Amino acid sequence: MQSLPGPEVQANYALPTAVAAKTLGRPLSGGAANVTVGLIKPGTQFGDRVNQVDVRIGKRLHLARMRETVSLDLYNALNVNSILAQNNTFGSAWRRPLQIMPPRFAKVSVQLDF
């Protein structure tokens, strides 16, 4: 079982030099076309928590001189689709998911000890 905080919410706005010049009384230094401004204080807002449950079921078998272990691993057993990464550029695509939790999948394994 994992329960992690969600991705940090940021709102980064590309402020054009024309708008910045009104406040500063001068253009941006170095001839920059724009400057990135954070609209939300860093570390204050986070998305929904990321909860994941992984399950392993195994059975030990004894045949002849060998010991076998057969296992079934089930990852993301609850099949949640939590957001892992999001767009932090303020605008029309702000907070649009960039990466979500992988879907549920299973793995079968066999271990032979002799």
PDB file of N, CA and C in Angstrom:
ATOM      1  N   MET A   1       0.852  -1.173   0.000  1.00  0.00           N
ATOM      2  CA  MET A   1       0.000   0.000   0.000  1.00  0.00           C
ATOM      3  C   MET A   1       0.894   1.230   0.000  1.00  0.00           C
ATOM      4  N   GLN A   2       0.636   2.154  -0.898  1.00  0.00           N
ATOM      5  CA  GLN A   2       1.328   3.439  -0.946  1.00  0.00           C
ATOM      6  C   GLN A   2       0.303   4.548  -0.886  1.00  0.00           C
ATOM      7  N   SER A   3       0.619   5.582  -0.141  1.00  0.00           N
ATOM      8  CA  SER A   3      -0.215   6.772  -0.093  1.00  0.00           C
ATOM      9  C   SER A   3       0.729   7.966  -0.080  1.00  0.00           C
ATOM     10  N   LEU A   4       0.857   8.606  -1.228  1.00  0.00           N
ATOM     11  CA  LEU A   4       1.800   9.712  -1.402  1.00  0.00           C
ATOM     12  C   LEU A   4       1.054  11.004  -1.682  1.00  0.00           C
ATOM     13  N   PRO A   5       1.648  12.149  -1.338  1.00  0.00           N
ATOM     14  CA  PRO A   5       0.985  13.404  -1.682  1.00  0.00           C
ATOM     15  C   PRO A   5       0.915  13.563  -3.197  1.00  0.00           C
ATOM     16  N   GLY A   6      -0.096  14.261  -3.643  1.00  0.00           N
ATOM     17  CA  GLY A   6      -0.257  14.501  -5.075  1.00  0.00           C
ATOM     18  C   GLY A   6       0.773  15.486  -5.593  1.00  0.00           C
ATOM     19  N   PRO A   7       0.755  15.757  -6.891  1.00  0.00           N
ATOM     20  CA  PRO A   7       1.729  16.680  -7.458  1.00  0.00           C
ATOM     21  C   PRO A   7       1.510  18.098  -6.938  1.00  0.00           C
ATOM     22  N   GLU A   8       2.596  18.829  -6.805  1.00  0.00           N
ATOM     23  CA  GLU A   8       2.514  20.220  -6.339  1.00  0.00           C
ATOM     24  C   GLU A   8       1.808  21.069  -7.389  1.00  0.00           C
ATOM     25  N   VAL A   9       0.873  21.897  -6.940  1.00  0.00           N
ATOM     26  CA  VAL A   9       0.154  22.790  -7.844  1.00  0.00           C
ATOM     27  C   VAL A   9       0.949  24.083  -7.971  1.00  0.00           C
ATOM     28  N   GLN A  10       1.293  24.422  -9.192  1.00  0.00           N
ATOM     29  CA  GLN A  10       1.988  25.669  -9.489  1.00  0.00           C
ATOM     30  C   GLN A  10       1.213  26.387 -10.586  1.00  0.00           C
ATOM     31  N   ALA A  11       1.398  27.698 -10.652  1.00  0.00           N
ATOM     32  CA  ALA A  11       0.788  28.486 -11.722  1.00  0.00           C
ATOM     33  C   ALA A  11       1.863  29.427 -12.234  1.00  0.00           C
ATOM     34  N   ASN A  12       2.618  28.973 -13.230  1.00  0.00           N
ATOM     35  CA  ASN A  12       3.705  29.761 -13.794  1.00  0.00           C
ATOM     36  C   ASN A  12       3.186  30.547 -14.984  1.00  0.00           C
ATOM     37  N   TYR A  13       3.308  31.865 -14.911  1.00  0.00           N
ATOM     38  CA  TYR A  13       2.800  32.746 -15.954  1.00  0.00           C
ATOM     39  C   TYR A  13       3.972  33.415 -16.657  1.00  0.00           C
ATOM     40  N   ALA A  14       3.980  33.382 -17.990  1.00  0.00           N
ATOM     41  CA  ALA A  14       5.015  34.045 -18.783  1.00  0.00           C
ATOM     42  C   ALA A  14       4.595  35.501 -18.985  1.00  0.00           C
ATOM     43  N   LEU A  15       5.147  36.392 -18.183  1.00  0.00           N
ATOM     44  CA  LEU A  15       4.806  37.819 -18.214  1.00  0.00           C
ATOM     45  C   LEU A  15       5.595  38.491 -19.334  1.00  0.00           C
ATOM     46  N   PRO A  16       4.898  39.067 -20.344  1.00  0.00           N
ATOM     47  CA  PRO A  16       5.596  39.718 -21.454  1.00  0.00           C
ATOM     48  C   PRO A  16       6.334  40.978 -20.989  1.00  0.00           C
ATOM     49  N   THR A  17       7.394  41.334 -21.697  1.00  0.00           N
ATOM     50  CA  THR A  17       8.197  42.495 -21.325  1.00  0.00           C
ATOM     51  C   THR A  17       7.392  43.796 -21.362  1.00  0.00           C
ATOM     52  N   ALA A  18       6.404  43.875 -22.255  1.00  0.00           N
ATOM     53  CA  ALA A  18       5.584  45.086 -22.335  1.00  0.00           C
ATOM     54  C   ALA A  18       4.777  45.292 -21.056  1.00  0.00           C
ATOM     55  N   VAL A  19       4.240  44.239 -20.491  1.00  0.00           N
ATOM     56  CA  VAL A  19       3.468  44.341 -19.252  1.00  0.00           C
ATOM     57  C   VAL A  19       4.396  44.592 -18.067  1.00  0.00           C
ATOM     58  N   ALA A  20       5.544  43.912 -18.044  1.00  0.00           N
ATOM     59  CA  ALA A  20       6.504  44.101 -16.959  1.00  0.00           C
ATOM     60  C   ALA A  20       7.071  45.512 -16.968  1.00  0.00           C
ATOM     61  N   ALA A  21       7.230  46.098 -18.145  1.00  0.00           N
ATOM     62  CA  ALA A  21       7.790  47.452 -18.252  1.00  0.00           C
ATOM     63  C   ALA A  21       6.871  48.487 -17.616  1.00  0.00           C
ATOM     64  N   LYS A  22       5.562  48.262 -17.625  1.00  0.00           N
ATOM     65  CA  LYS A  22       4.629  49.199 -16.995  1.00  0.00           C
ATOM     66  C   LYS A  22       4.845  49.262 -15.489  1.00  0.00           C
ATOM     67  N   THR A  23       5.131  48.123 -14.883  1.00  0.00           N
ATOM     68  CA  THR A  23       5.349  48.067 -13.447  1.00  0.00           C
ATOM     69  C   THR A  23       6.772  48.491 -13.079  1.00  0.00           C
ATOM     70  N   LEU A  24       7.751  48.014 -13.840  1.00  0.00           N
ATOM     71  CA  LEU A  24       9.153  48.301 -13.533  1.00  0.00           C
ATOM     72  C   LEU A  24       9.582  49.706 -13.958  1.00  0.00           C
ATOM     73  N   GLY A  25       8.917  50.225 -14.959  1.00  0.00           N
ATOM     74  CA  GLY A  25       9.333  51.509 -15.514  1.00  0.00           C
ATOM     75  C   GLY A  25      10.489  51.371 -16.490  1.00  0.00           C
ATOM     76  N   ARG A  26      10.813  50.139 -16.862  1.00  0.00           N
ATOM     77  CA  ARG A  26      11.898  49.856 -17.810  1.00  0.00           C
ATOM     78  C   ARG A  26      11.656  48.478 -18.404  1.00  0.00           C
ATOM     79  N   PRO A  27      12.257  48.173 -19.549  1.00  0.00           N
ATOM     80  CA  PRO A  27      12.118  46.813 -20.110  1.00  0.00           C
ATOM     81  C   PRO A  27      12.920  45.807 -19.278  1.00  0.00           C
ATOM     82  N   LEU A  28      12.657  44.554 -19.502  1.00  0.00           N
ATOM     83  CA  LEU A  28      13.395  43.500 -18.797  1.00  0.00           C
ATOM     84  C   LEU A  28      14.866  43.532 -19.179  1.00  0.00           C
ATOM     85  N   SER A  29      15.729  43.193 -18.251  1.00  0.00           N
ATOM     86  CA  SER A  29      17.168  43.226 -18.515  1.00  0.00           C
ATOM     87  C   SER A  29      17.571  42.115 -19.468  1.00  0.00           C
ATOM     88  N   GLY A  30      18.604  42.352 -20.204  1.00  0.00           N
ATOM     89  CA  GLY A  30      19.123  41.366 -21.141  1.00  0.00           C
ATOM     90  C   GLY A  30      18.278  41.207 -22.383  1.00  0.00           C
ATOM     91  N   GLY A  31      17.307  42.075 -22.594  1.00  0.00           N
ATOM     92  CA  GLY A  31      16.460  41.996 -23.774  1.00  0.00           C
ATOM     93  C   GLY A  31      15.538  40.786 -23.764  1.00  0.00           C
ATOM     94  N   ALA A  32      15.219  40.273 -22.592  1.00  0.00           N
ATOM     95  CA  ALA A  32      14.345  39.100 -22.488  1.00  0.00           C
ATOM     96  C   ALA A  32      12.943  39.435 -22.988  1.00  0.00           C
ATOM     97  N   ALA A  33      12.331  38.501 -23.707  1.00  0.00           N
ATOM     98  CA  ALA A  33      10.992  38.710 -24.245  1.00  0.00           C
ATOM     99  C   ALA A  33       9.925  38.573 -23.160  1.00  0.00           C
ATOM    100  N   ASN A  34      10.187  37.726 -22.166  1.00  0.00           N
ATOM    101  CA  ASN A  34       9.242  37.560 -21.063  1.00  0.00           C
ATOM    102  C   ASN A  34       9.975  37.020 -19.838  1.00  0.00           C
ATOM    103  N   VAL A  35       9.277  37.016 -18.715  1.00  0.00           N
ATOM    104  CA  VAL A  35       9.822  36.473 -17.473  1.00  0.00           C
ATOM    105  C   VAL A  35       8.740  35.569 -16.864  1.00  0.00           C
ATOM    106  N   THR A  36       9.161  34.442 -16.291  1.00  0.00           N
ATOM    107  CA  THR A  36       8.225  33.516 -15.664  1.00  0.00           C
ATOM    108  C   THR A  36       7.962  33.964 -14.227  1.00  0.00           C
ATOM    109  N   VAL A  37       6.672  34.110 -13.909  1.00  0.00           N
ATOM    110  CA  VAL A  37       6.248  34.561 -12.586  1.00  0.00           C
ATOM    111  C   VAL A  37       5.381  33.472 -11.963  1.00  0.00           C
ATOM    112  N   GLY A  38       5.690  33.093 -10.729  1.00  0.00           N
ATOM    113  CA  GLY A  38       4.876  32.115 -10.002  1.00  0.00           C
ATOM    114  C   GLY A  38       3.693  32.808  -9.351  1.00  0.00           C
ATOM    115  N   LEU A  39       2.475  32.379  -9.677  1.00  0.00           N
ATOM    116  CA  LEU A  39       1.266  33.002  -9.132  1.00  0.00           C
ATOM    117  C   LEU A  39       0.830  32.370  -7.812  1.00  0.00           C
ATOM    118  N   ILE A  40       1.344  31.175  -7.502  1.00  0.00           N
ATOM    119  CA  ILE A  40       1.030  30.480  -6.257  1.00  0.00           C
ATOM    120  C   ILE A  40       2.335  30.257  -5.506  1.00  0.00           C
ATOM    121  N   LYS A  41       2.311  30.521  -4.195  1.00  0.00           N
ATOM    122  CA  LYS A  41       3.506  30.317  -3.378  1.00  0.00           C
ATOM    123  C   LYS A  41       3.902  28.839  -3.417  1.00  0.00           C
ATOM    124  N   PRO A  42       5.175  28.522  -3.722  1.00  0.00           N
ATOM    125  CA  PRO A  42       5.615  27.124  -3.818  1.00  0.00           C
ATOM    126  C   PRO A  42       5.422  26.365  -2.506  1.00  0.00           C
ATOM    127  N   GLY A  43       5.006  25.100  -2.618  1.00  0.00           N
ATOM    128  CA  GLY A  43       4.852  24.225  -1.465  1.00  0.00           C
ATOM    129  C   GLY A  43       3.592  24.447  -0.651  1.00  0.00           C
ATOM    130  N   THR A  44       2.628  25.195  -1.189  1.00  0.00           N
ATOM    131  CA  THR A  44       1.404  25.461  -0.422  1.00  0.00           C
ATOM    132  C   THR A  44       0.198  24.665  -0.908  1.00  0.00           C
ATOM    133  N   GLN A  45       0.168  24.262  -2.162  1.00  0.00           N
ATOM    134  CA  GLN A  45      -0.980  23.529  -2.696  1.00  0.00           C
ATOM    135  C   GLN A  45      -0.511  22.266  -3.407  1.00  0.00           C
ATOM    136  N   PHE A  46      -1.287  21.198  -3.189  1.00  0.00           N
ATOM    137  CA  PHE A  46      -0.975  19.920  -3.801  1.00  0.00           C
ATOM    138  C   PHE A  46      -2.242  19.308  -4.362  1.00  0.00           C
ATOM    139  N   GLY A  47      -2.107  18.451  -5.376  1.00  0.00           N
ATOM    140  CA  GLY A  47      -3.232  17.736  -5.958  1.00  0.00           C
ATOM    141  C   GLY A  47      -3.699  16.621  -5.033  1.00  0.00           C
ATOM    142  N   ASP A  48      -4.657  15.843  -5.496  1.00  0.00           N
ATOM    143  CA  ASP A  48      -5.192  14.721  -4.715  1.00  0.00           C
ATOM    144  C   ASP A  48      -4.095  13.703  -4.428  1.00  0.00           C
ATOM    145  N   ARG A  49      -4.221  13.017  -3.292  1.00  0.00           N
ATOM    146  CA  ARG A  49      -3.239  12.004  -2.906  1.00  0.00           C
ATOM    147  C   ARG A  49      -3.211  10.866  -3.921  1.00  0.00           C
ATOM    148  N   VAL A  50      -2.051  10.245  -4.024  1.00  0.00           N
ATOM    149  CA  VAL A  50      -1.860   9.106  -4.916  1.00  0.00           C
ATOM    150  C   VAL A  50      -1.857   7.848  -4.046  1.00  0.00           C
ATOM    151  N   ASN A  51      -2.888   7.030  -4.187  1.00  0.00           N
ATOM    152  CA  ASN A  51      -3.010   5.793  -3.418  1.00  0.00           C
ATOM    153  C   ASN A  51      -2.878   4.613  -4.373  1.00  0.00           C
ATOM    154  N   GLN A  52      -2.027   3.661  -3.999  1.00  0.00           N
ATOM    155  CA  GLN A  52      -1.815   2.492  -4.844  1.00  0.00           C
ATOM    156  C   GLN A  52      -1.719   1.254  -3.964  1.00  0.00           C
ATOM    157  N   VAL A  53      -2.371   0.183  -4.394  1.00  0.00           N
ATOM    158  CA  VAL A  53      -2.327  -1.092  -3.681  1.00  0.00           C
ATOM    159  C   VAL A  53      -1.760  -2.143  -4.634  1.00  0.00           C
ATOM    160  N   ASP A  54      -0.687  -2.801  -4.205  1.00  0.00           N
ATOM    161  CA  ASP A  54      -0.094  -3.911  -4.951  1.00  0.00           C
ATOM    162  C   ASP A  54      -0.284  -5.180  -4.126  1.00  0.00           C
ATOM    163  N   VAL A  55      -0.592  -6.305  -4.796  1.00  0.00           N
ATOM    164  CA  VAL A  55      -0.885  -7.562  -4.106  1.00  0.00           C
ATOM    165  C   VAL A  55      -0.013  -8.669  -4.702  1.00  0.00           C
ATOM    166  N   ARG A  56       0.518  -9.526  -3.824  1.00  0.00           N
ATOM    167  CA  ARG A  56       1.250 -10.714  -4.278  1.00  0.00           C
ATOM    168  C   ARG A  56       0.655 -11.932  -3.594  1.00  0.00           C
ATOM    169  N   ILE A  57       0.353 -12.928  -4.407  1.00  0.00           N
ATOM    170  CA  ILE A  57      -0.162 -14.203  -3.907  1.00  0.00           C
ATOM    171  C   ILE A  57       0.812 -15.270  -4.379  1.00  0.00           C
ATOM    172  N   GLY A  58       1.273 -16.102  -3.464  1.00  0.00           N
ATOM    173  CA  GLY A  58       2.248 -17.120  -3.827  1.00  0.00           C
ATOM    174  C   GLY A  58       1.958 -18.446  -3.156  1.00  0.00           C
ATOM    175  N   LYS A  59       2.479 -19.495  -3.754  1.00  0.00           N
ATOM    176  CA  LYS A  59       2.313 -20.852  -3.216  1.00  0.00           C
ATOM    177  C   LYS A  59       3.636 -21.580  -3.368  1.00  0.00           C
ATOM    178  N   ARG A  60       4.099 -22.192  -2.257  1.00  0.00           N
ATOM    179  CA  ARG A  60       5.316 -22.998  -2.300  1.00  0.00           C
ATOM    180  C   ARG A  60       4.954 -24.447  -2.575  1.00  0.00           C
ATOM    181  N   LEU A  61       5.694 -25.049  -3.468  1.00  0.00           N
ATOM    182  CA  LEU A  61       5.495 -26.462  -3.819  1.00  0.00           C
ATOM    183  C   LEU A  61       6.804 -27.202  -3.599  1.00  0.00           C
ATOM    184  N   HIS A  62       6.722 -28.467  -3.184  1.00  0.00           N
ATOM    185  CA  HIS A  62       7.906 -29.310  -3.003  1.00  0.00           C
ATOM    186  C   HIS A  62       7.758 -30.534  -3.897  1.00  0.00           C
ATOM    187  N   LEU A  63       8.591 -30.609  -4.923  1.00  0.00           N
ATOM    188  CA  LEU A  63       8.583 -31.749  -5.836  1.00  0.00           C
ATOM    189  C   LEU A  63       9.999 -32.297  -5.923  1.00  0.00           C
ATOM    190  N   ALA A  64      10.125 -33.585  -5.649  1.00  0.00           N
ATOM    191  CA  ALA A  64      11.428 -34.257  -5.667  1.00  0.00           C
ATOM    192  C   ALA A  64      12.400 -33.515  -4.758  1.00  0.00           C
ATOM    193  N   ARG A  65      13.538 -33.097  -5.282  1.00  0.00           N
ATOM    194  CA  ARG A  65      14.537 -32.375  -4.480  1.00  0.00           C
ATOM    195  C   ARG A  65      14.458 -30.869  -4.699  1.00  0.00           C
ATOM    196  N   MET A  66      13.466 -30.421  -5.393  1.00  0.00           N
ATOM    197  CA  MET A  66      13.361 -28.989  -5.706  1.00  0.00           C
ATOM    198  C   MET A  66      12.218 -28.353  -4.921  1.00  0.00           C
ATOM    199  N   ARG A  67      12.370 -27.071  -4.728  1.00  0.00           N
ATOM    200  CA  ARG A  67      11.308 -26.296  -4.102  1.00  0.00           C
ATOM    201  C   ARG A  67      10.911 -25.209  -5.102  1.00  0.00           C
ATOM    202  N   GLU A  68       9.632 -25.145  -5.427  1.00  0.00           N
ATOM    203  CA  GLU A  68       9.131 -24.171  -6.384  1.00  0.00           C
ATOM    204  C   GLU A  68       8.237 -23.164  -5.663  1.00  0.00           C
ATOM    205  N   THR A  69       8.306 -21.949  -6.104  1.00  0.00           N
ATOM    206  CA  THR A  69       7.400 -20.917  -5.618  1.00  0.00           C
ATOM    207  C   THR A  69       6.725 -20.302  -6.832  1.00  0.00           C
ATOM    208  N   VAL A  70       5.406 -20.407  -6.874  1.00  0.00           N
ATOM    209  CA  VAL A  70       4.614 -19.834  -7.962  1.00  0.00           C
ATOM    210  C   VAL A  70       3.929 -18.593  -7.397  1.00  0.00           C
ATOM    211  N   SER A  71       4.065 -17.463  -8.093  1.00  0.00           N
ATOM    212  CA  SER A  71       3.529 -16.203  -7.572  1.00  0.00           C
ATOM    213  C   SER A  71       2.715 -15.474  -8.634  1.00  0.00           C
ATOM    214  N   LEU A  72       1.718 -14.744  -8.168  1.00  0.00           N
ATOM    215  CA  LEU A  72       0.938 -13.841  -9.003  1.00  0.00           C
ATOM    216  C   LEU A  72       1.030 -12.459  -8.357  1.00  0.00           C
ATOM    217  N   ASP A  73       1.596 -11.502  -9.083  1.00  0.00           N
ATOM    218  CA  ASP A  73       1.702 -10.124  -8.614  1.00  0.00           C
ATOM    219  C   ASP A  73       0.666  -9.292  -9.349  1.00  0.00           C
ATOM    220  N   LEU A  74      -0.105  -8.516  -8.612  1.00  0.00           N
ATOM    221  CA  LEU A  74      -1.122  -7.644  -9.179  1.00  0.00           C
ATOM    222  C   LEU A  74      -0.771  -6.216  -8.777  1.00  0.00           C
ATOM    223  N   TYR A  75      -0.384  -5.409  -9.757  1.00  0.00           N
ATOM    224  CA  TYR A  75       0.002  -4.024  -9.518  1.00  0.00           C
ATOM    225  C   TYR A  75      -1.187  -3.110  -9.773  1.00  0.00           C
ATOM    226  N   ASN A  76      -1.333  -2.065  -8.949  1.00  0.00           N
ATOM    227  CA  ASN A  76      -2.454  -1.126  -9.017  1.00  0.00           C
ATOM    228  C   ASN A  76      -3.771  -1.908  -8.983  1.00  0.00           C
ATOM    229  N   ALA A  77      -3.916  -2.706  -7.935  1.00  0.00           N
ATOM    230  CA  ALA A  77      -5.052  -3.632  -7.816  1.00  0.00           C
ATOM    231  C   ALA A  77      -6.403  -2.926  -7.854  1.00  0.00           C
ATOM    232  N   LEU A  78      -6.477  -1.702  -7.354  1.00  0.00           N
ATOM    233  CA  LEU A  78      -7.738  -0.965  -7.346  1.00  0.00           C
ATOM    234  C   LEU A  78      -7.992  -0.210  -8.651  1.00  0.00           C
ATOM    235  N   ASN A  79      -7.029  -0.276  -9.558  1.00  0.00           N
ATOM    236  CA  ASN A  79      -7.117   0.358 -10.872  1.00  0.00           C
ATOM    237  C   ASN A  79      -7.447   1.861 -10.789  1.00  0.00           C
ATOM    238  N   VAL A  80      -6.753   2.572  -9.887  1.00  0.00           N
ATOM    239  CA  VAL A  80      -6.960   4.018  -9.761  1.00  0.00           C
ATOM    240  C   VAL A  80      -6.241   4.738 -10.893  1.00  0.00           C
ATOM    241  N   ASN A  81      -6.696   5.934 -11.216  1.00  0.00           N
ATOM    242  CA  ASN A  81      -6.072   6.714 -12.282  1.00  0.00           C
ATOM    243  C   ASN A  81      -5.641   8.077 -11.750  1.00  0.00           C
ATOM    244  N   SER A  82      -4.883   8.068 -10.664  1.00  0.00           N
ATOM    245  CA  SER A  82      -4.414   9.298 -10.035  1.00  0.00           C
ATOM    246  C   SER A  82      -3.464  10.044 -10.961  1.00  0.00           C
ATOM    247  N   ILE A  83      -3.455  11.369 -10.818  1.00  0.00           N
ATOM    248  CA  ILE A  83      -2.562  12.223 -11.611  1.00  0.00           C
ATOM    249  C   ILE A  83      -1.187  12.230 -10.961  1.00  0.00           C
ATOM    250  N   LEU A  84      -0.144  11.909 -11.739  1.00  0.00           N
ATOM    251  CA  LEU A  84       1.221  11.910 -11.245  1.00  0.00           C
ATOM    252  C   LEU A  84       1.961  13.192 -11.610  1.00  0.00           C
ATOM    253  N   ALA A  85       1.618  13.788 -12.756  1.00  0.00           N
ATOM    254  CA  ALA A  85       2.244  15.033 -13.198  1.00  0.00           C
ATOM    255  C   ALA A  85       1.203  15.852 -13.955  1.00  0.00           C
ATOM    256  N   GLN A  86       1.306  17.171 -13.836  1.00  0.00           N
ATOM    257  CA  GLN A  86       0.336  18.052 -14.484  1.00  0.00           C
ATOM    258  C   GLN A  86       1.039  19.266 -15.078  1.00  0.00           C
ATOM    259  N   ASN A  87       0.357  19.945 -15.988  1.00  0.00           N
ATOM    260  CA  ASN A  87       0.886  21.143 -16.626  1.00  0.00           C
ATOM    261  C   ASN A  87       0.809  22.302 -15.633  1.00  0.00           C
ATOM    262  N   ASN A  88       1.939  22.938 -15.352  1.00  0.00           N
ATOM    263  CA  ASN A  88       1.979  24.033 -14.383  1.00  0.00           C
ATOM    264  C   ASN A  88       2.030  25.409 -15.034  1.00  0.00           C
ATOM    265  N   THR A  89       1.938  25.476 -16.355  1.00  0.00           N
ATOM    266  CA  THR A  89       1.934  26.759 -17.049  1.00  0.00           C
ATOM    267  C   THR A  89       0.529  27.321 -17.017  1.00  0.00           C
ATOM    268  N   PHE A  90       0.388  28.509 -16.411  1.00  0.00           N
ATOM    269  CA  PHE A  90      -0.932  29.110 -16.261  1.00  0.00           C
ATOM    270  C   PHE A  90      -1.485  29.498 -17.628  1.00  0.00           C
ATOM    271  N   GLY A  91      -2.705  29.107 -17.896  1.00  0.00           N
ATOM    272  CA  GLY A  91      -3.367  29.388 -19.166  1.00  0.00           C
ATOM    273  C   GLY A  91      -4.469  28.381 -19.401  1.00  0.00           C
ATOM    274  N   SER A  92      -4.804  28.168 -20.658  1.00  0.00           N
ATOM    275  CA  SER A  92      -5.928  27.283 -20.979  1.00  0.00           C
ATOM    276  C   SER A  92      -5.650  25.815 -20.641  1.00  0.00           C
ATOM    277  N   ALA A  93      -4.390  25.388 -20.640  1.00  0.00           N
ATOM    278  CA  ALA A  93      -4.056  23.990 -20.344  1.00  0.00           C
ATOM    279  C   ALA A  93      -3.572  23.810 -18.908  1.00  0.00           C
ATOM    280  N   TRP A  94      -3.765  24.795 -18.041  1.00  0.00           N
ATOM    281  CA  TRP A  94      -3.282  24.733 -16.668  1.00  0.00           C
ATOM    282  C   TRP A  94      -3.896  23.554 -15.936  1.00  0.00           C
ATOM    283  N   ARG A  95      -3.083  22.791 -15.241  1.00  0.00           N
ATOM    284  CA  ARG A  95      -3.453  21.609 -14.464  1.00  0.00           C
ATOM    285  C   ARG A  95      -3.962  20.450 -15.323  1.00  0.00           C
ATOM    286  N   ARG A  96      -3.716  20.490 -16.622  1.00  0.00           N
ATOM    287  CA  ARG A  96      -4.061  19.355 -17.480  1.00  0.00           C
ATOM    288  C   ARG A  96      -3.084  18.220 -17.174  1.00  0.00           C
ATOM    289  N   PRO A  97      -3.583  17.005 -16.960  1.00  0.00           N
ATOM    290  CA  PRO A  97      -2.694  15.885 -16.620  1.00  0.00           C
ATOM    291  C   PRO A  97      -1.687  15.589 -17.731  1.00  0.00           C
ATOM    292  N   LEU A  98      -0.436  15.399 -17.338  1.00  0.00           N
ATOM    293  CA  LEU A  98       0.620  15.010 -18.267  1.00  0.00           C
ATOM    294  C   LEU A  98       0.976  13.540 -18.095  1.00  0.00           C
ATOM    295  N   GLN A  99       0.752  13.014 -16.878  1.00  0.00           N
ATOM    296  CA  GLN A  99       1.053  11.607 -16.608  1.00  0.00           C
ATOM    297  C   GLN A  99       0.072  11.102 -15.554  1.00  0.00           C
ATOM    298  N   ILE A 100      -0.494   9.919 -15.797  1.00  0.00           N
ATOM    299  CA  ILE A 100      -1.393   9.308 -14.824  1.00  0.00           C
ATOM    300  C   ILE A 100      -0.838   7.942 -14.420  1.00  0.00           C
ATOM    301  N   MET A 101      -1.414   7.386 -13.362  1.00  0.00           N
ATOM    302  CA  MET A 101      -0.986   6.084 -12.851  1.00  0.00           C
ATOM    303  C   MET A 101      -1.187   5.018 -13.925  1.00  0.00           C
ATOM    304  N   PRO A 102      -0.203   4.142 -14.130  1.00  0.00           N
ATOM    305  CA  PRO A 102      -0.380   3.055 -15.098  1.00  0.00           C
ATOM    306  C   PRO A 102      -1.565   2.165 -14.705  1.00  0.00           C
ATOM    307  N   PRO A 103      -2.209   1.529 -15.672  1.00  0.00           N
ATOM    308  CA  PRO A 103      -3.373   0.686 -15.365  1.00  0.00           C
ATOM    309  C   PRO A 103      -2.971  -0.581 -14.613  1.00  0.00           C
ATOM    310  N   ARG A 104      -3.970  -1.269 -14.121  1.00  0.00           N
ATOM    311  CA  ARG A 104      -3.755  -2.526 -13.411  1.00  0.00           C
ATOM    312  C   ARG A 104      -3.098  -3.528 -14.355  1.00  0.00           C
ATOM    313  N   PHE A 105      -2.111  -4.257 -13.852  1.00  0.00           N
ATOM    314  CA  PHE A 105      -1.533  -5.338 -14.642  1.00  0.00           C
ATOM    315  C   PHE A 105      -1.017  -6.428 -13.703  1.00  0.00           C
ATOM    316  N   ALA A 106      -0.857  -7.609 -14.260  1.00  0.00           N
ATOM    317  CA  ALA A 106      -0.466  -8.776 -13.471  1.00  0.00           C
ATOM    318  C   ALA A 106       0.827  -9.375 -14.019  1.00  0.00           C
ATOM    319  N   LYS A 107       1.554 -10.050 -13.132  1.00  0.00           N
ATOM    320  CA  LYS A 107       2.777 -10.733 -13.521  1.00  0.00           C
ATOM    321  C   LYS A 107       2.784 -12.095 -12.827  1.00  0.00           C
ATOM    322  N   VAL A 108       3.038 -13.140 -13.601  1.00  0.00           N
ATOM    323  CA  VAL A 108       3.134 -14.490 -13.058  1.00  0.00           C
ATOM    324  C   VAL A 108       4.604 -14.867 -13.055  1.00  0.00           C
ATOM    325  N   SER A 109       5.060 -15.432 -11.932  1.00  0.00           N
ATOM    326  CA  SER A 109       6.463 -15.832 -11.855  1.00  0.00           C
ATOM    327  C   SER A 109       6.594 -17.183 -11.169  1.00  0.00           C
ATOM    328  N   VAL A 110       7.681 -17.865 -11.524  1.00  0.00           N
ATOM    329  CA  VAL A 110       8.009 -19.160 -10.929  1.00  0.00           C
ATOM    330  C   VAL A 110       9.474 -19.118 -10.525  1.00  0.00           C
ATOM    331  N   GLN A 111       9.752 -19.540  -9.285  1.00  0.00           N
ATOM    332  CA  GLN A 111      11.126 -19.600  -8.792  1.00  0.00           C
ATOM    333  C   GLN A 111      11.440 -21.045  -8.438  1.00  0.00           C
ATOM    334  N   LEU A 112      12.523 -21.547  -8.975  1.00  0.00           N
ATOM    335  CA  LEU A 112      12.944 -22.930  -8.721  1.00  0.00           C
ATOM    336  C   LEU A 112      14.212 -22.904  -7.865  1.00  0.00           C
ATOM    337  N   ASP A 113      14.200 -23.593  -6.740  1.00  0.00           N
ATOM    338  CA  ASP A 113      15.374 -23.748  -5.871  1.00  0.00           C
ATOM    339  C   ASP A 113      15.747 -25.223  -5.839  1.00  0.00           C
ATOM    340  N   PHE A 114      17.016 -25.515  -6.190  1.00  0.00           N
ATOM    341  CA  PHE A 114      17.464 -26.905  -6.182  1.00  0.00           C
ATOM    342  C   PHE A 114      18.832 -27.019  -5.569  1.00  0.00           C
TER     343      PHE A 114
END
